Amino acid sequence: MAKMVVLFHSGYGHTRRLATAVAEGAQGVAGVSLSSLAINETGDIPDEAWALLDAADAIVLGSPTYMGGPSWQFKKFADASSKAWARQSWKDKLAAGFTNSGSMNGDKSSTLAYMVTFAMQHGMLWAGTAMMPANTKAARRDDLNYLGAFTGLMAQSPADASAEEAPTQGDLETARRFGERIARLAGTLRSAA
């Protein structure tokens, strides 16, 4: 059975809601066990969580985009992963990422680029959305991949919207499909090993 971990930091609840949707999509894939792991407000994860990450076949990373990059809590976690890096314990695992910000753009690409670099330093294999964008005149905000993200999942939550109001249903359904894709890939890689 392939093991997948959705690891995320959420400042106001919007990214947590996105992480939940990613997990929901992954749960529908047979042969994949799923764990969700939140980075806390001080940028830490429980000590036993490191073993969970080491045992995973796929790690999906999530962070809000603040000031053009991931939250400081996510960066603290990334720095703390240097022991896993030294052991090469995440080498050849599948990696993917998602982010959310208040603006339609908000430089979310910078956050995903940070995650890609982080995964590459660990020797991981990166997977994007592989989803066509909703970029026609007929497109509506609740369409799949309305933000046209390919490197990873992007979502938008207005700055004055609660976590119950945002992200949009389209972004949440995009997250579910993304989670399903990553879980399927994790299962395929596990079977090939």
C-alpha atoms as a PDB file:
ATOM      1  CA  MET A   1       0.000   0.000   0.000  1.00  0.00           C
ATOM      2  CA  ALA A   2       1.317   3.452  -0.939  1.00  0.00           C
ATOM      3  CA  LYS A   3       1.591   5.984   1.886  1.00  0.00           C
ATOM      4  CA  MET A   4       0.766   9.636   1.210  1.00  0.00           C
ATOM      5  CA  VAL A   5       1.135  12.555   3.616  1.00  0.00           C
ATOM      6  CA  VAL A   6      -0.487  15.966   3.136  1.00  0.00           C
ATOM      7  CA  LEU A   7       1.778  18.324   5.102  1.00  0.00           C
ATOM      8  CA  PHE A   8       0.704  21.958   5.403  1.00  0.00           C
ATOM      9  CA  HIS A   9       0.708  25.197   7.337  1.00  0.00           C
ATOM     10  CA  SER A  10      -2.436  27.327   7.466  1.00  0.00           C
ATOM     11  CA  GLY A  11      -2.535  30.763   9.033  1.00  0.00           C
ATOM     12  CA  TYR A  12      -6.244  31.552   8.857  1.00  0.00           C
ATOM     13  CA  GLY A  13      -7.880  28.260   7.881  1.00  0.00           C
ATOM     14  CA  HIS A  14      -8.102  28.707   4.112  1.00  0.00           C
ATOM     15  CA  THR A  15      -5.051  26.555   3.358  1.00  0.00           C
ATOM     16  CA  ARG A  16      -6.284  23.947   5.857  1.00  0.00           C
ATOM     17  CA  ARG A  17      -9.555  23.784   3.918  1.00  0.00           C
ATOM     18  CA  LEU A  18      -7.566  23.299   0.715  1.00  0.00           C
ATOM     19  CA  ALA A  19      -5.488  20.551   2.396  1.00  0.00           C
ATOM     20  CA  THR A  20      -8.697  18.822   3.441  1.00  0.00           C
ATOM     21  CA  ALA A  21      -9.918  18.865  -0.171  1.00  0.00           C
ATOM     22  CA  VAL A  22      -6.590  17.422  -1.409  1.00  0.00           C
ATOM     23  CA  ALA A  23      -6.947  14.650   1.188  1.00  0.00           C
ATOM     24  CA  GLU A  24     -10.566  13.990   0.172  1.00  0.00           C
ATOM     25  CA  GLY A  25      -9.460  13.426  -3.404  1.00  0.00           C
ATOM     26  CA  ALA A  26      -6.678  11.080  -2.332  1.00  0.00           C
ATOM     27  CA  GLN A  27      -8.978   9.050  -0.059  1.00  0.00           C
ATOM     28  CA  GLY A  28     -10.932   7.821  -3.063  1.00  0.00           C
ATOM     29  CA  VAL A  29      -7.909   6.020  -4.518  1.00  0.00           C
ATOM     30  CA  ALA A  30      -7.662   2.320  -3.652  1.00  0.00           C
ATOM     31  CA  GLY A  31      -4.358   1.064  -2.290  1.00  0.00           C
ATOM     32  CA  VAL A  32      -3.280   4.394  -0.778  1.00  0.00           C
ATOM     33  CA  SER A  33      -3.184   5.200   2.924  1.00  0.00           C
ATOM     34  CA  LEU A  34      -3.382   8.874   3.784  1.00  0.00           C
ATOM     35  CA  SER A  35      -2.185  11.026   6.673  1.00  0.00           C
ATOM     36  CA  SER A  36      -2.622  14.768   7.163  1.00  0.00           C
ATOM     37  CA  LEU A  37      -0.050  16.685   9.141  1.00  0.00           C
ATOM     38  CA  ALA A  38      -0.327  20.351  10.130  1.00  0.00           C
ATOM     39  CA  ILE A  39       2.695  22.537  10.833  1.00  0.00           C
ATOM     40  CA  ASN A  40       1.713  24.440  13.971  1.00  0.00           C
ATOM     41  CA  GLU A  41       1.757  28.190  14.632  1.00  0.00           C
ATOM     42  CA  THR A  42       5.386  28.013  15.817  1.00  0.00           C
ATOM     43  CA  GLY A  43       6.536  26.171  12.682  1.00  0.00           C
ATOM     44  CA  ASP A  44       6.902  22.783  14.334  1.00  0.00           C
ATOM     45  CA  ILE A  45       5.583  19.276  13.781  1.00  0.00           C
ATOM     46  CA  PRO A  46       5.496  16.536  16.448  1.00  0.00           C
ATOM     47  CA  ASP A  47       8.717  14.532  16.777  1.00  0.00           C
ATOM     48  CA  GLU A  48       6.957  11.337  15.687  1.00  0.00           C
ATOM     49  CA  ALA A  49       5.799  13.053  12.469  1.00  0.00           C
ATOM     50  CA  TRP A  50       9.340  12.891  11.043  1.00  0.00           C
ATOM     51  CA  ALA A  51       9.100   9.081  10.963  1.00  0.00           C
ATOM     52  CA  LEU A  52       5.735   9.377   9.189  1.00  0.00           C
ATOM     53  CA  LEU A  53       7.352  11.557   6.506  1.00  0.00           C
ATOM     54  CA  ASP A  54      10.338   9.210   6.195  1.00  0.00           C
ATOM     55  CA  ALA A  55       7.963   6.272   5.612  1.00  0.00           C
ATOM     56  CA  ALA A  56       5.800   8.091   3.049  1.00  0.00           C
ATOM     57  CA  ASP A  57       5.841   7.353  -0.674  1.00  0.00           C
ATOM     58  CA  ALA A  58       4.405  10.785  -1.466  1.00  0.00           C
ATOM     59  CA  ILE A  59       4.481  14.098   0.403  1.00  0.00           C
ATOM     60  CA  VAL A  60       2.145  16.896  -0.676  1.00  0.00           C
ATOM     61  CA  LEU A  61       3.331  20.266   0.661  1.00  0.00           C
ATOM     62  CA  GLY A  62       0.989  23.172   1.383  1.00  0.00           C
ATOM     63  CA  SER A  63       1.467  26.749   2.530  1.00  0.00           C
ATOM     64  CA  PRO A  64      -0.307  30.049   2.153  1.00  0.00           C
ATOM     65  CA  THR A  65       1.507  32.623   0.076  1.00  0.00           C
ATOM     66  CA  TYR A  66       2.479  35.596   2.239  1.00  0.00           C
ATOM     67  CA  MET A  67       4.511  38.453   0.806  1.00  0.00           C
ATOM     68  CA  GLY A  68       5.440  36.449  -2.302  1.00  0.00           C
ATOM     69  CA  GLY A  69       6.546  33.222  -0.630  1.00  0.00           C
ATOM     70  CA  PRO A  70       5.593  30.500   1.831  1.00  0.00           C
ATOM     71  CA  SER A  71       4.801  31.322   5.449  1.00  0.00           C
ATOM     72  CA  TRP A  72       7.700  31.559   7.898  1.00  0.00           C
ATOM     73  CA  GLN A  73       6.271  28.526   9.669  1.00  0.00           C
ATOM     74  CA  PHE A  74       6.608  26.468   6.498  1.00  0.00           C
ATOM     75  CA  LYS A  75      10.160  27.741   5.991  1.00  0.00           C
ATOM     76  CA  LYS A  76      11.055  26.796   9.571  1.00  0.00           C
ATOM     77  CA  PHE A  77       9.806  23.273   8.886  1.00  0.00           C
ATOM     78  CA  ALA A  78      11.818  23.185   5.640  1.00  0.00           C
ATOM     79  CA  ASP A  79      14.983  24.219   7.490  1.00  0.00           C
ATOM     80  CA  ALA A  80      14.336  21.587  10.155  1.00  0.00           C
ATOM     81  CA  SER A  81      14.164  18.909   7.447  1.00  0.00           C
ATOM     82  CA  SER A  82      17.954  19.102   6.998  1.00  0.00           C
ATOM     83  CA  LYS A  83      18.376  15.923   9.078  1.00  0.00           C
ATOM     84  CA  ALA A  84      16.143  14.047   6.616  1.00  0.00           C
ATOM     85  CA  TRP A  85      18.177  15.625   3.803  1.00  0.00           C
ATOM     86  CA  ALA A  86      21.467  14.439   5.321  1.00  0.00           C
ATOM     87  CA  ARG A  87      20.090  10.881   5.571  1.00  0.00           C
ATOM     88  CA  GLN A  88      18.592  11.169   2.042  1.00  0.00           C
ATOM     89  CA  SER A  89      15.448   9.669   3.548  1.00  0.00           C
ATOM     90  CA  TRP A  90      13.073  11.437   1.134  1.00  0.00           C
ATOM     91  CA  LYS A  91      15.071  10.637  -2.009  1.00  0.00           C
ATOM     92  CA  ASP A  92      12.912   9.318  -4.880  1.00  0.00           C
ATOM     93  CA  LYS A  93       9.640  10.033  -3.045  1.00  0.00           C
ATOM     94  CA  LEU A  94       6.882  11.786  -4.956  1.00  0.00           C
ATOM     95  CA  ALA A  95       6.376  15.470  -4.088  1.00  0.00           C
ATOM     96  CA  ALA A  96       3.669  17.958  -5.007  1.00  0.00           C
ATOM     97  CA  GLY A  97       2.498  21.281  -3.625  1.00  0.00           C
ATOM     98  CA  PHE A  98      -0.344  23.719  -3.176  1.00  0.00           C
ATOM     99  CA  THR A  99      -0.828  27.296  -2.067  1.00  0.00           C
ATOM    100  CA  ASN A 100      -3.507  29.899  -1.460  1.00  0.00           C
ATOM    101  CA  SER A 101      -3.456  33.684  -1.261  1.00  0.00           C
ATOM    102  CA  GLY A 102      -5.816  36.633  -1.066  1.00  0.00           C
ATOM    103  CA  SER A 103      -5.133  37.878  -4.593  1.00  0.00           C
ATOM    104  CA  MET A 104      -5.825  36.115  -7.872  1.00  0.00           C
ATOM    105  CA  ASN A 105      -2.079  36.138  -8.590  1.00  0.00           C
ATOM    106  CA  GLY A 106      -0.431  37.124  -5.332  1.00  0.00           C
ATOM    107  CA  ASP A 107       2.887  35.693  -6.588  1.00  0.00           C
ATOM    108  CA  LYS A 108       1.743  32.175  -5.739  1.00  0.00           C
ATOM    109  CA  SER A 109       4.198  30.889  -8.365  1.00  0.00           C
ATOM    110  CA  SER A 110       7.052  31.960  -6.086  1.00  0.00           C
ATOM    111  CA  THR A 111       5.711  29.766  -3.285  1.00  0.00           C
ATOM    112  CA  LEU A 112       5.395  26.775  -5.593  1.00  0.00           C
ATOM    113  CA  ALA A 113       8.899  27.431  -6.971  1.00  0.00           C
ATOM    114  CA  TYR A 114      10.207  27.403  -3.391  1.00  0.00           C
ATOM    115  CA  MET A 115       8.519  24.039  -2.836  1.00  0.00           C
ATOM    116  CA  VAL A 116       9.940  22.610  -6.074  1.00  0.00           C
ATOM    117  CA  THR A 117      13.460  23.669  -5.056  1.00  0.00           C
ATOM    118  CA  PHE A 118      12.912  22.211  -1.584  1.00  0.00           C
ATOM    119  CA  ALA A 119      11.775  18.900  -3.084  1.00  0.00           C
ATOM    120  CA  MET A 120      14.693  18.838  -5.537  1.00  0.00           C
ATOM    121  CA  GLN A 121      17.179  19.364  -2.711  1.00  0.00           C
ATOM    122  CA  HIS A 122      15.699  16.280  -1.064  1.00  0.00           C
ATOM    123  CA  GLY A 123      16.028  14.324  -4.339  1.00  0.00           C
ATOM    124  CA  MET A 124      12.266  13.987  -4.714  1.00  0.00           C
ATOM    125  CA  LEU A 125      10.189  13.621  -7.897  1.00  0.00           C
ATOM    126  CA  TRP A 126       7.853  16.594  -8.487  1.00  0.00           C
ATOM    127  CA  ALA A 127       4.344  16.228  -9.930  1.00  0.00           C
ATOM    128  CA  GLY A 128       2.158  19.120 -11.069  1.00  0.00           C
ATOM    129  CA  THR A 129      -1.561  19.380 -11.719  1.00  0.00           C
ATOM    130  CA  ALA A 130      -1.644  18.015 -15.314  1.00  0.00           C
ATOM    131  CA  MET A 131      -4.960  19.843 -15.599  1.00  0.00           C
ATOM    132  CA  MET A 132      -6.158  22.020 -18.450  1.00  0.00           C
ATOM    133  CA  PRO A 133      -6.946  25.620 -17.476  1.00  0.00           C
ATOM    134  CA  ALA A 134     -10.337  27.289 -17.658  1.00  0.00           C
ATOM    135  CA  ASN A 135      -9.180  30.073 -19.979  1.00  0.00           C
ATOM    136  CA  THR A 136     -11.989  30.706 -22.432  1.00  0.00           C
ATOM    137  CA  LYS A 137     -14.491  33.559 -22.549  1.00  0.00           C
ATOM    138  CA  ALA A 138     -17.113  31.145 -21.229  1.00  0.00           C
ATOM    139  CA  ALA A 139     -14.995  30.224 -18.168  1.00  0.00           C
ATOM    140  CA  ARG A 140     -16.449  30.948 -14.742  1.00  0.00           C
ATOM    141  CA  ARG A 141     -14.752  31.329 -11.374  1.00  0.00           C
ATOM    142  CA  ASP A 142     -15.959  27.919 -10.159  1.00  0.00           C
ATOM    143  CA  ASP A 143     -14.507  26.029 -13.130  1.00  0.00           C
ATOM    144  CA  LEU A 144     -11.697  23.533 -12.589  1.00  0.00           C
ATOM    145  CA  ASN A 145      -8.207  25.081 -12.593  1.00  0.00           C
ATOM    146  CA  TYR A 146      -9.581  28.579 -13.119  1.00  0.00           C
ATOM    147  CA  LEU A 147      -6.236  30.028 -11.996  1.00  0.00           C
ATOM    148  CA  GLY A 148      -4.425  28.040 -14.698  1.00  0.00           C
ATOM    149  CA  ALA A 149      -1.829  26.432 -12.437  1.00  0.00           C
ATOM    150  CA  PHE A 150       0.426  23.677 -13.721  1.00  0.00           C
ATOM    151  CA  THR A 151       3.426  23.472 -11.346  1.00  0.00           C
ATOM    152  CA  GLY A 152       1.103  22.858  -8.408  1.00  0.00           C
ATOM    153  CA  LEU A 153      -2.328  23.668  -7.078  1.00  0.00           C
ATOM    154  CA  MET A 154      -3.243  27.329  -6.651  1.00  0.00           C
ATOM    155  CA  ALA A 155      -6.310  28.730  -4.929  1.00  0.00           C
ATOM    156  CA  GLN A 156      -7.579  32.184  -4.048  1.00  0.00           C
ATOM    157  CA  SER A 157      -9.416  33.333  -0.952  1.00  0.00           C
ATOM    158  CA  PRO A 158     -10.423  37.005  -0.674  1.00  0.00           C
ATOM    159  CA  ALA A 159      -8.651  38.665   2.249  1.00  0.00           C
ATOM    160  CA  ASP A 160     -11.955  39.426   3.978  1.00  0.00           C
ATOM    161  CA  ALA A 161     -13.470  35.943   3.461  1.00  0.00           C
ATOM    162  CA  SER A 162     -13.649  33.425   6.284  1.00  0.00           C
ATOM    163  CA  ALA A 163     -12.381  29.861   5.829  1.00  0.00           C
ATOM    164  CA  GLU A 164     -16.033  28.801   5.535  1.00  0.00           C
ATOM    165  CA  GLU A 165     -16.480  31.146   2.552  1.00  0.00           C
ATOM    166  CA  ALA A 166     -13.259  30.493   0.649  1.00  0.00           C
ATOM    167  CA  PRO A 167     -11.563  29.029  -1.320  1.00  0.00           C
ATOM    168  CA  THR A 168     -14.262  28.735  -3.962  1.00  0.00           C
ATOM    169  CA  GLN A 169     -15.990  25.464  -4.789  1.00  0.00           C
ATOM    170  CA  GLY A 170     -14.073  25.401  -8.087  1.00  0.00           C
ATOM    171  CA  ASP A 171     -10.731  25.666  -6.291  1.00  0.00           C
ATOM    172  CA  LEU A 172     -11.790  22.982  -3.806  1.00  0.00           C
ATOM    173  CA  GLU A 173     -12.844  20.611  -6.586  1.00  0.00           C
ATOM    174  CA  THR A 174      -9.543  21.312  -8.344  1.00  0.00           C
ATOM    175  CA  ALA A 175      -7.824  20.369  -5.065  1.00  0.00           C
ATOM    176  CA  ARG A 176      -9.770  17.106  -4.873  1.00  0.00           C
ATOM    177  CA  ARG A 177      -8.770  16.174  -8.421  1.00  0.00           C
ATOM    178  CA  PHE A 178      -5.158  17.132  -7.648  1.00  0.00           C
ATOM    179  CA  GLY A 179      -5.158  14.928  -4.530  1.00  0.00           C
ATOM    180  CA  GLU A 180      -6.588  12.056  -6.538  1.00  0.00           C
ATOM    181  CA  ARG A 181      -3.855  12.448  -9.178  1.00  0.00           C
ATOM    182  CA  ILE A 182      -1.040  12.470  -6.651  1.00  0.00           C
ATOM    183  CA  ALA A 183      -2.480   9.415  -4.868  1.00  0.00           C
ATOM    184  CA  ARG A 184      -2.751   7.522  -8.168  1.00  0.00           C
ATOM    185  CA  LEU A 185       0.852   8.423  -9.041  1.00  0.00           C
ATOM    186  CA  ALA A 186       2.023   7.354  -5.578  1.00  0.00           C
ATOM    187  CA  GLY A 187       0.329   3.992  -6.076  1.00  0.00           C
ATOM    188  CA  THR A 188       1.885   3.574  -9.523  1.00  0.00           C
ATOM    189  CA  LEU A 189       5.371   4.395  -8.218  1.00  0.00           C
ATOM    190  CA  ARG A 190       4.915   2.039  -5.256  1.00  0.00           C
ATOM    191  CA  SER A 191       3.850  -0.788  -7.588  1.00  0.00           C
ATOM    192  CA  ALA A 192       6.854  -0.186  -9.847  1.00  0.00           C
ATOM    193  CA  ALA A 193       9.334  -0.326  -6.964  1.00  0.00           C
END
